[in-house]
Amino acid sequence: MRTVGLKILNSKLSEYVRLAASGETVLVTDRDRVVAEIVPPRQERSPMLADALLAEEVRRGRLTPPALANAGPPPTPAPVATFDELMAELDQDRTDR
């Protein structure tokens, strides 16, 4: 575990973030008082940013996860009309003008 003051952290942030990414906890101090911690990511946290953001929104209750997590892609809806029917309607609309 390391300790760093705000002024030094401000100028060397990337160095301390790398330390946290490698598994070390960094305590941030302001006038010799701990005000924050930079900690390594949790094991269950996805390495993908999008997954992490989605998980955070689910945790806050803004999103609801799917009922079946591994159900696959959603079903493809059946077409309303065939291509030929659509083209015939388009031709009809063009002749009406």
Protein backbone atom coordinates (compact mmCIF):
# COMPACT_ATOMS: atom_id res chain seq x y z
CA MET A 1 0.00 0.00 0.00
CA ARG A 2 1.29 3.42 -0.95
CA THR A 3 0.36 6.92 0.16
CA VAL A 4 0.45 9.99 -2.07
CA GLY A 5 -0.49 13.63 -1.57
CA LEU A 6 -2.91 15.42 -3.86
CA LYS A 7 -0.27 17.68 -5.41
CA ILE A 8 1.99 14.77 -6.38
CA LEU A 9 -1.00 12.69 -7.54
CA ASN A 10 -2.07 15.53 -9.80
CA SER A 11 1.26 15.49 -11.63
CA LYS A 12 1.80 11.70 -11.67
CA LEU A 13 -1.72 10.29 -11.90
CA SER A 14 -0.98 7.76 -14.65
CA GLU A 15 1.85 6.25 -12.58
CA TYR A 16 -0.46 5.67 -9.59
CA VAL A 17 -3.24 4.31 -11.78
CA ARG A 18 -0.76 1.78 -13.20
CA LEU A 19 0.15 0.77 -9.64
CA ALA A 20 -3.53 0.20 -8.84
CA ALA A 21 -4.00 -1.78 -12.06
CA SER A 22 -1.13 -4.04 -11.01
CA GLY A 23 -2.87 -4.82 -7.71
CA GLU A 24 -1.62 -2.18 -5.28
CA THR A 25 -3.87 0.11 -3.23
CA VAL A 26 -2.92 3.79 -3.20
CA LEU A 27 -4.13 6.07 -0.40
CA VAL A 28 -4.64 9.70 -1.42
CA THR A 29 -4.02 12.28 1.29
CA ASP A 30 -4.81 15.96 1.69
CA ARG A 31 -2.90 17.66 4.52
CA ASP A 32 -1.95 14.29 6.05
CA ARG A 33 -5.56 13.06 6.08
CA VAL A 34 -6.68 10.16 3.86
CA VAL A 35 -9.38 11.44 1.51
CA ALA A 36 -9.57 8.70 -1.14
CA GLU A 37 -8.29 5.30 -2.23
CA ILE A 38 -7.27 4.13 -5.67
CA VAL A 39 -7.85 0.39 -5.63
CA PRO A 40 -7.41 -2.40 -8.17
CA PRO A 41 -10.54 -3.39 -10.11
CA ARG A 42 -12.68 -6.08 -8.52
CA GLN A 43 -12.37 -9.61 -9.91
CA GLU A 44 -16.01 -9.67 -11.02
CA ARG A 45 -15.60 -6.38 -12.93
CA SER A 46 -15.47 -6.89 -16.68
CA PRO A 47 -12.35 -5.60 -18.45
CA MET A 48 -14.62 -4.05 -21.09
CA LEU A 49 -15.70 -0.50 -20.26
CA ALA A 50 -19.15 -0.94 -21.81
CA ASP A 51 -19.84 -4.00 -19.65
CA ALA A 52 -18.69 -2.16 -16.54
CA LEU A 53 -20.93 0.82 -17.31
CA LEU A 54 -23.94 -1.43 -17.92
CA ALA A 55 -23.28 -3.32 -14.69
CA GLU A 56 -23.13 -0.02 -12.80
CA GLU A 57 -26.49 1.07 -14.25
CA VAL A 58 -28.05 -2.27 -13.26
CA ARG A 59 -26.64 -1.84 -9.74
CA ARG A 60 -28.19 1.63 -9.51
CA GLY A 61 -31.55 0.30 -10.71
CA ARG A 62 -31.65 2.33 -13.93
CA LEU A 63 -31.50 -0.80 -16.11
CA THR A 64 -33.00 -4.23 -15.68
CA PRO A 65 -30.98 -7.26 -16.79
CA PRO A 66 -32.66 -9.70 -19.19
CA ALA A 67 -34.75 -12.45 -17.64
CA LEU A 68 -32.73 -15.14 -19.42
CA ALA A 69 -29.09 -14.13 -19.50
CA ASN A 70 -27.95 -16.70 -22.10
CA ALA A 71 -31.10 -16.92 -24.22
CA GLY A 72 -29.29 -15.79 -27.37
CA PRO A 73 -30.24 -13.02 -29.76
CA PRO A 74 -33.84 -11.82 -29.91
CA PRO A 75 -36.07 -13.57 -32.44
CA THR A 76 -36.25 -12.11 -35.93
CA PRO A 77 -39.71 -10.68 -36.64
CA ALA A 78 -41.64 -12.13 -39.56
CA PRO A 79 -41.79 -9.78 -42.55
CA VAL A 80 -45.03 -7.83 -42.92
CA ALA A 81 -44.95 -8.00 -46.71
CA THR A 82 -42.79 -9.54 -49.39
CA PHE A 83 -40.37 -7.43 -51.42
CA ASP A 84 -42.60 -7.72 -54.50
CA GLU A 85 -45.64 -6.51 -52.53
CA LEU A 86 -43.68 -3.53 -51.21
CA MET A 87 -42.45 -2.60 -54.68
CA ALA A 88 -46.00 -2.87 -56.06
CA GLU A 89 -47.25 -0.51 -53.33
CA LEU A 90 -44.41 1.90 -54.06
CA ASP A 91 -45.26 1.91 -57.76
CA GLN A 92 -48.92 2.51 -56.87
CA ASP A 93 -47.98 5.48 -54.69
CA ARG A 94 -45.80 6.96 -57.42
CA THR A 95 -48.54 6.72 -60.04
CA ASP A 96 -51.03 8.45 -57.71
CA ARG A 97 -48.96 11.64 -57.71
